[in-house]
């Protein structure tokens, strides 16, 4: 695909999510209680934040692409209304036992 990621949004979301990790790293450094386990924990948290933000933005990009199709126009809204009416008529016809003649059949044909 030729589209580009929203790097500004990615920088913002990673900055927000990594702030708590940075605060914890600074607190560890000041307390002089850095251990290999705490380093591994901080590393995992950094990776989680970066990967989570990336996946979140990828998902957002795909949702926007699906919702705002380039070919969508007002004419398609009319077809959507007609489709909804047809679905409703079909449900009424099925609820009436799928008659081949009678008032339900005539009402369906008039729509």
C-alpha atoms as a PDB file:
ATOM      1  CA  UNK A   1       0.000   0.000   0.000  1.00  0.00           C
ATOM      2  CA  UNK A   2       1.191   3.481  -0.762  1.00  0.00           C
ATOM      3  CA  UNK A   3      -0.220   5.103   2.371  1.00  0.00           C
ATOM      4  CA  UNK A   4       1.855   6.434   5.207  1.00  0.00           C
ATOM      5  CA  UNK A   5       1.502   5.956   8.920  1.00  0.00           C
ATOM      6  CA  UNK A   6       0.545   8.867  11.126  1.00  0.00           C
ATOM      7  CA  UNK A   7       3.947   9.303  12.778  1.00  0.00           C
ATOM      8  CA  UNK A   8       2.863  12.305  14.809  1.00  0.00           C
ATOM      9  CA  UNK A   9       0.068  10.282  16.404  1.00  0.00           C
ATOM     10  CA  UNK A  10       2.459   7.361  16.957  1.00  0.00           C
ATOM     11  CA  UNK A  11       4.977   9.641  18.697  1.00  0.00           C
ATOM     12  CA  UNK A  12       2.248  11.084  20.886  1.00  0.00           C
ATOM     13  CA  UNK A  13       0.726   7.744  21.926  1.00  0.00           C
ATOM     14  CA  UNK A  14       4.103   6.130  22.608  1.00  0.00           C
ATOM     15  CA  UNK A  15       5.188   9.223  24.545  1.00  0.00           C
ATOM     16  CA  UNK A  16       2.108   9.041  26.750  1.00  0.00           C
ATOM     17  CA  UNK A  17       2.380   5.303  27.348  1.00  0.00           C
ATOM     18  CA  UNK A  18       6.136   5.358  27.945  1.00  0.00           C
ATOM     19  CA  UNK A  19       5.953   8.185  30.492  1.00  0.00           C
ATOM     20  CA  UNK A  20       5.061   5.819  33.345  1.00  0.00           C
ATOM     21  CA  UNK A  21       7.940   3.513  32.366  1.00  0.00           C
ATOM     22  CA  UNK A  22      10.343   6.471  32.395  1.00  0.00           C
ATOM     23  CA  UNK A  23       9.067   7.530  35.812  1.00  0.00           C
ATOM     24  CA  UNK A  24       9.666   4.014  37.165  1.00  0.00           C
ATOM     25  CA  UNK A  25      13.165   3.858  35.645  1.00  0.00           C
ATOM     26  CA  UNK A  26      14.079   7.193  37.240  1.00  0.00           C
ATOM     27  CA  UNK A  27      12.692   5.992  40.583  1.00  0.00           C
ATOM     28  CA  UNK A  28      14.739   2.769  40.343  1.00  0.00           C
ATOM     29  CA  UNK A  29      17.872   4.740  39.551  1.00  0.00           C
ATOM     30  CA  UNK A  30      17.380   7.111  42.484  1.00  0.00           C
ATOM     31  CA  UNK A  31      16.726   4.266  44.907  1.00  0.00           C
ATOM     32  CA  UNK A  32      19.891   2.430  43.767  1.00  0.00           C
ATOM     33  CA  UNK A  33      17.928  -0.809  43.582  1.00  0.00           C
ATOM     34  CA  UNK A  34      18.503  -1.735  39.941  1.00  0.00           C
ATOM     35  CA  UNK A  35      18.637  -5.489  39.443  1.00  0.00           C
ATOM     36  CA  UNK A  36      18.745  -7.682  36.336  1.00  0.00           C
ATOM     37  CA  UNK A  37      15.103  -8.566  36.983  1.00  0.00           C
ATOM     38  CA  UNK A  38      14.070  -4.891  37.145  1.00  0.00           C
ATOM     39  CA  UNK A  39      15.978  -4.179  33.911  1.00  0.00           C
ATOM     40  CA  UNK A  40      14.182  -7.078  32.203  1.00  0.00           C
ATOM     41  CA  UNK A  41      10.863  -5.793  33.529  1.00  0.00           C
ATOM     42  CA  UNK A  42      11.478  -2.282  32.190  1.00  0.00           C
ATOM     43  CA  UNK A  43      12.627  -3.687  28.848  1.00  0.00           C
ATOM     44  CA  UNK A  44       9.436  -5.755  28.539  1.00  0.00           C
ATOM     45  CA  UNK A  45       7.306  -2.744  29.444  1.00  0.00           C
ATOM     46  CA  UNK A  46       9.018  -0.583  26.810  1.00  0.00           C
ATOM     47  CA  UNK A  47       8.519  -3.270  24.166  1.00  0.00           C
ATOM     48  CA  UNK A  48       4.885  -3.696  25.171  1.00  0.00           C
ATOM     49  CA  UNK A  49       4.211   0.044  24.891  1.00  0.00           C
ATOM     50  CA  UNK A  50       5.872   0.367  21.485  1.00  0.00           C
ATOM     51  CA  UNK A  51       4.193  -2.724  20.035  1.00  0.00           C
ATOM     52  CA  UNK A  52       0.795  -1.891  21.533  1.00  0.00           C
ATOM     53  CA  UNK A  53       0.851   1.652  20.132  1.00  0.00           C
ATOM     54  CA  UNK A  54       1.925   0.409  16.700  1.00  0.00           C
ATOM     55  CA  UNK A  55      -0.810  -2.230  16.571  1.00  0.00           C
ATOM     56  CA  UNK A  56      -3.375   0.247  17.837  1.00  0.00           C
ATOM     57  CA  UNK A  57      -2.542   2.704  15.044  1.00  0.00           C
ATOM     58  CA  UNK A  58      -2.550  -0.054  12.414  1.00  0.00           C
ATOM     59  CA  UNK A  59      -6.009  -1.100  13.573  1.00  0.00           C
ATOM     60  CA  UNK A  60      -7.185   2.523  13.556  1.00  0.00           C
ATOM     61  CA  UNK A  61      -5.839   2.974  10.008  1.00  0.00           C
ATOM     62  CA  UNK A  62      -7.727  -0.075   8.756  1.00  0.00           C
ATOM     63  CA  UNK A  63     -10.961   0.982  10.453  1.00  0.00           C
ATOM     64  CA  UNK A  64     -10.725   4.418   8.834  1.00  0.00           C
ATOM     65  CA  UNK A  65     -10.089   2.794   5.454  1.00  0.00           C
ATOM     66  CA  UNK A  66     -13.162   0.604   5.842  1.00  0.00           C
ATOM     67  CA  UNK A  67     -15.495   3.290   7.188  1.00  0.00           C
ATOM     68  CA  UNK A  68     -14.536   6.085   4.782  1.00  0.00           C
ATOM     69  CA  UNK A  69     -14.486   4.339   1.425  1.00  0.00           C
ATOM     70  CA  UNK A  70     -13.552   6.613  -1.453  1.00  0.00           C
ATOM     71  CA  UNK A  71     -16.511   5.415  -3.501  1.00  0.00           C
ATOM     72  CA  UNK A  72     -19.174   6.167  -0.889  1.00  0.00           C
ATOM     73  CA  UNK A  73     -21.780   8.703  -1.964  1.00  0.00           C
ATOM     74  CA  UNK A  74     -25.389   9.727  -1.299  1.00  0.00           C
ATOM     75  CA  UNK A  75     -26.710   7.385  -3.988  1.00  0.00           C
ATOM     76  CA  UNK A  76     -25.450   4.413  -1.980  1.00  0.00           C
ATOM     77  CA  UNK A  77     -27.379   5.654   1.048  1.00  0.00           C
ATOM     78  CA  UNK A  78     -30.562   5.339  -1.027  1.00  0.00           C
ATOM     79  CA  UNK A  79     -29.621   1.765  -1.901  1.00  0.00           C
ATOM     80  CA  UNK A  80     -28.981   1.057   1.782  1.00  0.00           C
ATOM     81  CA  UNK A  81     -32.491   2.291   2.625  1.00  0.00           C
ATOM     82  CA  UNK A  82     -33.984   0.137  -0.112  1.00  0.00           C
ATOM     83  CA  UNK A  83     -31.988  -2.844   1.143  1.00  0.00           C
ATOM     84  CA  UNK A  84     -33.279  -2.293   4.690  1.00  0.00           C
ATOM     85  CA  UNK A  85     -36.860  -2.138   3.380  1.00  0.00           C
ATOM     86  CA  UNK A  86     -36.336  -5.359   1.439  1.00  0.00           C
ATOM     87  CA  UNK A  87     -34.910  -7.123   4.500  1.00  0.00           C
ATOM     88  CA  UNK A  88     -37.888  -5.977   6.580  1.00  0.00           C
ATOM     89  CA  UNK A  89     -40.375  -7.189   3.941  1.00  0.00           C
ATOM     90  CA  UNK A  90     -38.575 -10.528   3.745  1.00  0.00           C
ATOM     91  CA  UNK A  91     -38.749 -10.928   7.523  1.00  0.00           C
ATOM     92  CA  UNK A  92     -42.495 -10.215   7.493  1.00  0.00           C
ATOM     93  CA  UNK A  93     -42.977 -12.731   4.665  1.00  0.00           C
ATOM     94  CA  UNK A  94     -40.993 -15.402   6.547  1.00  0.00           C
ATOM     95  CA  UNK A  95     -42.861 -14.700   9.794  1.00  0.00           C
ATOM     96  CA  UNK A  96     -46.147 -15.216   7.941  1.00  0.00           C
ATOM     97  CA  UNK A  97     -45.031 -18.678   6.845  1.00  0.00           C
ATOM     98  CA  UNK A  98     -43.773 -17.717   3.364  1.00  0.00           C
ATOM     99  CA  UNK A  99     -47.166 -17.537   1.661  1.00  0.00           C
ATOM    100  CA  UNK A 100     -47.271 -17.653  -2.137  1.00  0.00           C
ATOM    101  CA  UNK A 101     -50.423 -15.534  -2.321  1.00  0.00           C
ATOM    102  CA  UNK A 102     -52.512 -13.294  -0.097  1.00  0.00           C
ATOM    103  CA  UNK A 103     -52.110  -9.942   1.590  1.00  0.00           C
ATOM    104  CA  UNK A 104     -48.543 -10.455   2.813  1.00  0.00           C
ATOM    105  CA  UNK A 105     -47.460 -11.455  -0.681  1.00  0.00           C
ATOM    106  CA  UNK A 106     -49.273  -8.481  -2.234  1.00  0.00           C
ATOM    107  CA  UNK A 107     -47.814  -6.050   0.288  1.00  0.00           C
ATOM    108  CA  UNK A 108     -44.344  -7.390  -0.440  1.00  0.00           C
ATOM    109  CA  UNK A 109     -44.850  -7.054  -4.185  1.00  0.00           C
ATOM    110  CA  UNK A 110     -46.018  -3.429  -3.866  1.00  0.00           C
ATOM    111  CA  UNK A 111     -42.796  -2.367  -2.176  1.00  0.00           C
END
